[in-house]
Each structure stands twice: as C-alpha cells, then as structure tokens.
Amino acid sequence: MAKTSYVEVIPELEDQFFLGIRSGDRFVHARLVRKPLLFSVKRKKGISQRSLLPQISEIWNSFSDAQKQAWNNAGAVMGLSGFKLFVQDQVARIMQGLSGVATPSLLHQSWVGCIHIEAPADEIKLVQIHPRFYWIQRKVKGTKNMYEPVLVQEFFGFPVKIGLNYYATLEEVSSPSFAKFYIRFWHSYQGEDRFSEFSIPLDYLTDWKHAELTINDVIGYFIRYDLYFHLKGLRGDLYFDNIIVEHTGQNWARDPFCNNVAQTFTRGFYQIPKHWAPVILPEGAWYDSIYRDF
C-alpha cells in the first residue's frame, strides 16, 4: 500500500477527492482511509434486513393523533420530535427483548440512569464535577458519528436551580440512612475557603416524581461547584432522568437525559471528565444507563 505524508489536490478535483475518503484516527495517528461507497447486492440486502426502521415506522403510522401528540410532548423534553423519540425508544425495547410499545412520559424518556446497591454494599456516592473550565464531547455538525473535544468555560451566576426526576425502590438496611441529590459549592469568604451543600432528599420508595431546589446565593467569592448522588444505609435501585443544574439561563448538567451516565473517554478525548465518577463504589454497588419497561 502506498503511503504519503502530504497530498496536494487541485481545486477542481477536491470534491471528487473527498467523496472517496474519510477521516481515520484524527488524534493519535491522523490518517485518511477509503470511504466504502459501493456495496455488493448481498451486502445491501443484509443492511436492509437488519434495519428496524420499516417495522417501527409501521407501528408509528398505526398510532392515533392523540398517541402521536403524547410522543411529541415527551420528545420536546429532550428537544426531539415524537417520531425520533419513539424510534430511539422502540429500538431499545427490541434490543432488550421487550414486546409492545412504551407509554410516553414527561418524567423519563428511553434510557435512564440507574444506581444499584446489593449486599455486601450499603452505600454509593457519585460526583459530576463542574470547575470553571472543562472539556466536553460535541458532535461535529454535518457528520453522522464524528465528535470533537470542546473546552467549556462555565460562566456562573446565582440563582442556581438543581433538580431531577426519579423512581426509587430502596430499603433501609442500616442506620443512619439517607438518599440525596445535592450540590456542593466551594467559595471563599474573609480569606477562608468554605464549602456549602444544598440537598434534595430522595424518597426511598416512590413512583416517578420531580424534585427541584433553588439556591439564591452563597457568601463571598464563588470558586466552583460539583453535583453528587449519595446513598447510605440502603439497598435497592434508584432510577433518575432529566438532570437539571440551571444558572445563567442554561442547563449545565452533562448527559442530562442519562443516555450514558457511566461513559468513559479515551484516546483523543482523554481529558474529558466522566459524566458521573465514583467517589464511593464498594463491591455490590454499580451505576449505568439502562432501559426498563416502567
């Protein structure tokens, strides 16, 4: 195979040149690779047979106007059309081996975050960091599955609203016990570093519900904040979705719709912090994004 470190393409041939290639590894060993444009009849047939879109579209077309509107309302929470949310949800159902269709909800959509605790564990603590500067992963516009690291400067200002939707099946197994979602501020006042926590207590046993809290101010000079889940003295499951940490007119929560709460970033994205990182994670405790038929 011929290798070259530099290619000069005349302007007249640029369109044709880029039609036949795509980017390989863009960060560690940057290279261009061939773009597969032509598929054999056998391969085309295999791709069409694997597609779930035809059967999902057929189900969607059988819905009444009221059912479609319910999906549109639920999709609006995520900034999606009702059809796109239904496709996402139905694909997840099929991949999980579930029959039928889901009931659209304004409190949870498709994938949700799950915190699970079983013996010998009775505690778990997760954090989502929010320094003044941090990196995130963002989809490159005009591409199907290309992402880029982007440096974010979080311009902070009070008031701050935190919130979530959650569903819990937790059981107390030791004392003291608590379940909470909270924000922890680091601020400086009169030459001293201070830390202030503002919590939303979570019910141990509840159907899907919304909870939120507004913080108007902390004294002194603001430095940074972090979000936490902390469960202690409990076993069972906590499901959550639609995370909110809102200030300056924007929701700054990363992965607010809990599509991949345990996602890790590697290679060219190594500098991006995990959406939720473990602080306390003993044997028997885990967290992830799951699809469940609630």
Protein backbone atom coordinates (compact mmCIF):
# COMPACT_ATOMS: atom_id res chain seq x y z
CA MET A 1 0.00 0.00 0.00
CA ALA A 2 1.36 3.41 -0.96
CA LYS A 3 1.83 5.84 1.93
CA THR A 4 2.32 9.58 1.73
CA SER A 5 2.53 12.37 4.28
CA TYR A 6 1.24 15.14 2.04
CA VAL A 7 -1.11 15.33 -0.92
CA GLU A 8 -1.84 18.45 -2.93
CA VAL A 9 -5.22 18.33 -4.65
CA ILE A 10 -6.07 20.89 -7.30
CA PRO A 11 -9.29 22.81 -6.56
CA GLU A 12 -11.15 21.26 -9.50
CA LEU A 13 -10.73 17.76 -8.06
CA GLU A 14 -11.30 18.49 -4.36
CA ASP A 15 -14.98 17.45 -4.38
CA GLN A 16 -14.22 14.11 -6.05
CA PHE A 17 -11.23 13.50 -3.79
CA PHE A 18 -13.15 13.98 -0.54
CA LEU A 19 -16.07 11.89 -1.81
CA GLY A 20 -13.84 8.83 -1.75
CA ILE A 21 -12.10 9.21 1.61
CA ARG A 22 -12.95 9.71 5.26
CA SER A 23 -11.03 10.52 8.38
CA GLY A 24 -9.48 7.62 10.30
CA ASP A 25 -7.97 8.21 13.73
CA ARG A 26 -7.86 12.00 13.98
CA PHE A 27 -5.92 12.31 17.23
CA VAL A 28 -3.24 9.65 17.81
CA HIS A 29 -2.27 8.62 14.25
CA ALA A 30 -4.03 11.04 11.94
CA ARG A 31 -4.82 9.45 8.59
CA LEU A 32 -7.30 9.27 5.75
CA VAL A 33 -8.92 5.99 4.80
CA ARG A 34 -11.09 4.84 1.92
CA LYS A 35 -14.79 5.53 2.21
CA PRO A 36 -16.87 2.48 1.18
CA LEU A 37 -19.17 3.91 -1.47
CA LEU A 38 -20.15 0.80 -3.40
CA PHE A 39 -21.88 -2.13 -1.72
CA SER A 40 -22.50 -5.55 -3.23
CA VAL A 41 -26.09 -6.72 -3.72
CA LYS A 42 -25.60 -9.21 -0.87
CA ARG A 43 -24.33 -6.52 1.49
CA LYS A 44 -27.14 -4.13 0.60
CA LYS A 45 -29.67 -6.85 1.31
CA GLY A 46 -28.06 -7.62 4.65
CA ILE A 47 -28.14 -3.95 5.70
CA SER A 48 -31.80 -3.53 4.78
CA GLN A 49 -32.74 -6.73 6.61
CA ARG A 50 -31.03 -5.50 9.79
CA SER A 51 -32.80 -2.16 9.75
CA LEU A 52 -35.59 -1.82 12.29
CA LEU A 53 -36.90 1.41 10.80
CA PRO A 54 -39.51 -0.15 8.45
CA GLN A 55 -41.30 -2.05 11.22
CA ILE A 56 -41.04 0.88 13.65
CA SER A 57 -42.46 3.25 11.02
CA GLU A 58 -45.36 0.87 10.50
CA ILE A 59 -46.15 0.95 14.23
CA TRP A 60 -45.92 4.76 14.27
CA ASN A 61 -48.31 5.07 11.34
CA SER A 62 -50.86 2.96 13.21
CA PHE A 63 -50.95 5.44 16.13
CA SER A 64 -53.85 7.81 16.62
CA ASP A 65 -53.30 11.58 16.61
CA ALA A 66 -53.56 11.57 20.42
CA GLN A 67 -50.83 8.91 20.73
CA LYS A 68 -48.53 10.81 18.37
CA GLN A 69 -49.12 14.02 20.32
CA ALA A 70 -48.20 12.25 23.57
CA TRP A 71 -44.89 11.19 21.99
CA ASN A 72 -44.35 14.72 20.66
CA ASN A 73 -44.84 16.11 24.17
CA ALA A 74 -42.36 13.64 25.64
CA GLY A 75 -39.86 14.24 22.84
CA ALA A 76 -40.00 18.00 23.40
CA VAL A 77 -38.39 17.46 26.82
CA MET A 78 -35.28 16.18 25.02
CA GLY A 79 -35.52 18.53 22.04
CA LEU A 80 -36.61 15.67 19.75
CA SER A 81 -39.64 15.09 17.59
CA GLY A 82 -42.09 12.49 18.81
CA PHE A 83 -41.12 10.15 15.95
CA LYS A 84 -37.39 10.36 16.73
CA LEU A 85 -38.01 9.62 20.41
CA PHE A 86 -40.29 6.71 19.50
CA VAL A 87 -37.64 5.24 17.18
CA GLN A 88 -35.00 5.56 19.92
CA ASP A 89 -37.31 4.02 22.50
CA GLN A 90 -38.61 1.20 20.31
CA VAL A 91 -35.14 0.17 19.16
CA ALA A 92 -34.10 -0.08 22.81
CA ARG A 93 -37.20 -2.20 23.57
CA ILE A 94 -36.49 -4.58 20.70
CA MET A 95 -32.82 -4.92 21.66
CA GLN A 96 -33.90 -5.74 25.24
CA GLY A 97 -36.34 -8.37 24.00
CA LEU A 98 -39.45 -6.48 25.16
CA SER A 99 -42.73 -6.70 23.28
CA GLY A 100 -45.29 -3.98 22.64
CA VAL A 101 -44.61 -0.25 22.88
CA ALA A 102 -43.84 2.04 25.79
CA THR A 103 -46.15 4.66 27.24
CA PRO A 104 -44.58 8.10 26.64
CA SER A 105 -43.83 10.07 29.80
CA LEU A 106 -42.78 13.62 30.59
CA LEU A 107 -40.73 12.35 33.56
CA HIS A 108 -38.46 9.83 31.81
CA GLN A 109 -37.59 9.04 28.21
CA SER A 110 -35.92 5.94 26.78
CA TRP A 111 -32.63 5.34 28.65
CA VAL A 112 -32.43 6.35 32.31
CA GLY A 113 -29.69 6.36 34.92
CA CYS A 114 -29.69 3.53 37.46
CA ILE A 115 -27.89 3.25 40.80
CA HIS A 116 -27.98 -0.29 42.22
CA ILE A 117 -26.86 -1.42 45.70
CA GLU A 118 -26.83 -5.00 46.93
CA ALA A 119 -25.01 -6.95 49.66
CA PRO A 120 -22.34 -6.56 50.86
CA ALA A 121 -22.59 -2.86 49.89
CA ASP A 122 -24.93 -0.38 51.57
CA GLU A 123 -23.51 2.90 50.24
CA ILE A 124 -22.60 4.63 46.97
CA LYS A 125 -21.51 8.17 46.12
CA LEU A 126 -21.14 9.69 42.63
CA VAL A 127 -19.92 13.10 41.51
CA GLN A 128 -20.20 15.25 38.40
CA ILE A 129 -17.50 17.91 38.52
CA HIS A 130 -18.06 21.50 37.40
CA PRO A 131 -14.84 23.56 37.55
CA ARG A 132 -14.68 26.87 35.73
CA PHE A 133 -13.04 25.21 32.70
CA TYR A 134 -13.52 21.65 31.49
CA TRP A 135 -13.76 19.63 28.28
CA ILE A 136 -16.85 18.03 26.79
CA GLN A 137 -17.53 15.87 23.73
CA ARG A 138 -19.59 17.51 20.98
CA LYS A 139 -20.89 16.12 17.72
CA VAL A 140 -19.38 17.69 14.61
CA LYS A 141 -22.12 19.37 12.58
CA GLY A 142 -22.86 17.80 9.24
CA THR A 143 -21.45 14.39 10.19
CA LYS A 144 -23.16 11.16 11.19
CA ASN A 145 -20.93 9.98 14.04
CA MET A 146 -17.92 12.28 14.33
CA TYR A 147 -17.23 14.04 17.63
CA GLU A 148 -14.71 16.61 18.80
CA PRO A 149 -13.41 17.72 22.21
CA VAL A 150 -14.53 21.25 23.14
CA LEU A 151 -13.27 23.39 26.00
CA VAL A 152 -16.13 24.86 28.05
CA GLN A 153 -15.94 27.92 30.27
CA GLU A 154 -18.89 27.82 32.62
CA PHE A 155 -19.91 31.40 33.32
CA PHE A 156 -21.52 31.12 36.74
CA GLY A 157 -24.19 33.24 38.35
CA PHE A 158 -26.89 32.92 41.00
CA PRO A 159 -29.64 31.83 41.40
CA VAL A 160 -28.97 28.14 40.71
CA LYS A 161 -31.69 25.51 40.28
CA ILE A 162 -30.93 21.83 40.65
CA GLY A 163 -33.44 19.08 40.01
CA LEU A 164 -34.19 15.62 38.67
CA ASN A 165 -36.92 13.11 38.00
CA TYR A 166 -36.54 9.84 39.88
CA TYR A 167 -38.07 6.47 40.78
CA ALA A 168 -36.92 4.54 43.84
CA THR A 169 -37.22 1.04 45.28
CA LEU A 170 -34.81 1.36 48.20
CA GLU A 171 -34.82 -0.45 51.55
CA GLU A 172 -33.12 0.68 54.76
CA VAL A 173 -30.60 -1.89 55.99
CA SER A 174 -28.51 0.09 58.48
CA SER A 175 -28.57 3.35 60.42
CA PRO A 176 -28.06 6.18 59.75
CA SER A 177 -29.56 6.02 56.28
CA PHE A 178 -30.22 8.67 53.63
CA ALA A 179 -30.58 9.20 49.89
CA LYS A 180 -29.89 12.64 48.47
CA PHE A 181 -29.02 14.56 45.34
CA TYR A 182 -27.06 17.69 46.18
CA ILE A 183 -24.82 20.49 45.00
CA ARG A 184 -21.63 21.45 46.84
CA PHE A 185 -20.24 24.97 46.44
CA TRP A 186 -16.63 25.92 47.06
CA HIS A 187 -16.39 29.62 47.92
CA SER A 188 -14.07 31.96 49.77
CA TYR A 189 -15.07 34.44 52.50
CA GLN A 190 -12.82 36.63 54.61
CA GLY A 191 -9.74 34.73 53.48
CA GLU A 192 -11.15 31.29 54.32
CA ASP A 193 -12.24 28.50 51.98
CA ARG A 194 -15.80 27.40 52.70
CA PHE A 195 -17.97 24.57 51.41
CA SER A 196 -21.77 24.78 51.35
CA GLU A 197 -24.11 21.91 50.50
CA PHE A 198 -27.73 22.18 49.40
CA SER A 199 -29.60 18.86 49.18
CA ILE A 200 -32.72 17.37 47.70
CA PRO A 201 -33.72 14.43 49.94
CA LEU A 202 -34.89 11.45 47.89
CA ASP A 203 -37.74 9.16 48.94
CA TYR A 204 -36.84 5.51 49.49
CA LEU A 205 -39.95 4.18 47.76
CA THR A 206 -41.74 6.21 45.09
CA ASP A 207 -43.10 6.16 41.58
CA TRP A 208 -41.64 8.65 39.09
CA LYS A 209 -41.69 12.18 40.53
CA HIS A 210 -39.96 15.52 40.02
CA ALA A 211 -37.90 17.29 42.67
CA GLU A 212 -36.01 20.57 42.48
CA LEU A 213 -34.32 23.18 44.67
CA THR A 214 -33.26 26.80 44.05
CA ILE A 215 -30.22 28.36 45.73
CA ASN A 216 -30.16 32.15 45.66
CA ASP A 217 -26.64 32.92 46.90
CA VAL A 218 -23.59 31.93 48.95
CA ILE A 219 -21.43 34.41 50.80
CA GLY A 220 -18.06 35.53 49.50
CA TYR A 221 -16.27 34.73 46.26
CA PHE A 222 -17.53 31.75 44.25
CA ILE A 223 -14.87 29.24 43.08
CA ARG A 224 -16.64 26.12 41.74
CA TYR A 225 -19.40 23.58 42.36
CA ASP A 226 -20.00 19.85 41.97
CA LEU A 227 -23.11 17.65 41.83
CA TYR A 228 -23.49 14.48 43.90
CA PHE A 229 -25.65 11.42 44.41
CA HIS A 230 -25.11 9.89 47.85
CA LEU A 231 -26.99 6.85 49.20
CA LYS A 232 -26.09 5.32 52.57
CA GLY A 233 -27.57 2.55 54.71
CA LEU A 234 -29.73 1.42 51.78
CA ARG A 235 -30.07 -1.35 49.23
CA GLY A 236 -32.14 -1.48 46.09
CA ASP A 237 -32.43 0.71 42.99
CA LEU A 238 -32.65 4.41 42.24
CA TYR A 239 -33.58 5.42 38.69
CA PHE A 240 -33.14 9.02 37.52
CA ASP A 241 -33.54 11.16 34.41
CA ASN A 242 -33.75 14.79 33.23
CA ILE A 243 -30.98 16.16 35.47
CA ILE A 244 -31.02 19.94 35.96
CA VAL A 245 -28.31 22.33 37.14
CA GLU A 246 -29.54 25.60 35.74
CA HIS A 247 -27.97 29.03 36.00
CA THR A 248 -27.39 31.99 33.67
CA GLY A 249 -30.31 30.76 31.58
CA GLN A 250 -28.78 27.37 30.69
CA ASN A 251 -28.82 23.79 31.92
CA TRP A 252 -25.15 22.89 32.52
CA ALA A 253 -25.72 19.24 33.50
CA ARG A 254 -23.67 16.86 31.37
CA ASP A 255 -25.68 13.99 29.89
CA PRO A 256 -28.91 15.45 31.35
CA PHE A 257 -31.03 12.75 29.69
CA CYS A 258 -28.87 9.94 31.13
CA ASN A 259 -28.08 8.21 27.84
CA ASN A 260 -24.69 7.03 29.15
CA VAL A 261 -24.09 8.02 32.77
CA ALA A 262 -21.03 5.77 33.15
CA GLN A 263 -19.37 6.78 29.88
CA THR A 264 -15.58 6.96 29.91
CA PHE A 265 -13.45 8.90 27.43
CA THR A 266 -10.17 7.68 25.97
CA ARG A 267 -7.58 8.41 23.28
CA GLY A 268 -8.11 11.91 21.86
CA PHE A 269 -10.89 12.53 24.39
CA TYR A 270 -8.91 11.50 27.49
CA GLN A 271 -9.16 14.99 29.01
CA ILE A 272 -12.98 14.87 29.21
CA PRO A 273 -14.22 14.04 32.73
CA LYS A 274 -16.71 11.20 33.21
CA HIS A 275 -20.33 12.24 33.30
CA TRP A 276 -20.60 10.64 36.75
CA ALA A 277 -17.47 9.43 38.54
CA PRO A 278 -17.47 7.14 41.60
CA VAL A 279 -16.35 8.59 44.94
CA ILE A 280 -17.56 5.59 46.98
CA LEU A 281 -18.21 2.41 44.99
CA PRO A 282 -17.86 -0.76 47.07
CA GLU A 283 -18.35 -4.32 45.83
CA GLY A 284 -22.05 -4.92 45.23
CA ALA A 285 -22.78 -1.36 44.03
CA TRP A 286 -22.86 -0.20 40.41
CA TYR A 287 -24.36 2.50 38.21
CA ASP A 288 -25.15 2.70 34.50
CA SER A 289 -27.74 3.77 31.92
CA ILE A 290 -30.42 1.15 31.34
CA TYR A 291 -33.70 0.68 29.53
CA ARG A 292 -36.55 -0.63 31.65
CA ASP A 293 -40.25 -1.07 30.99
CA PHE A 294 -41.66 1.05 33.83
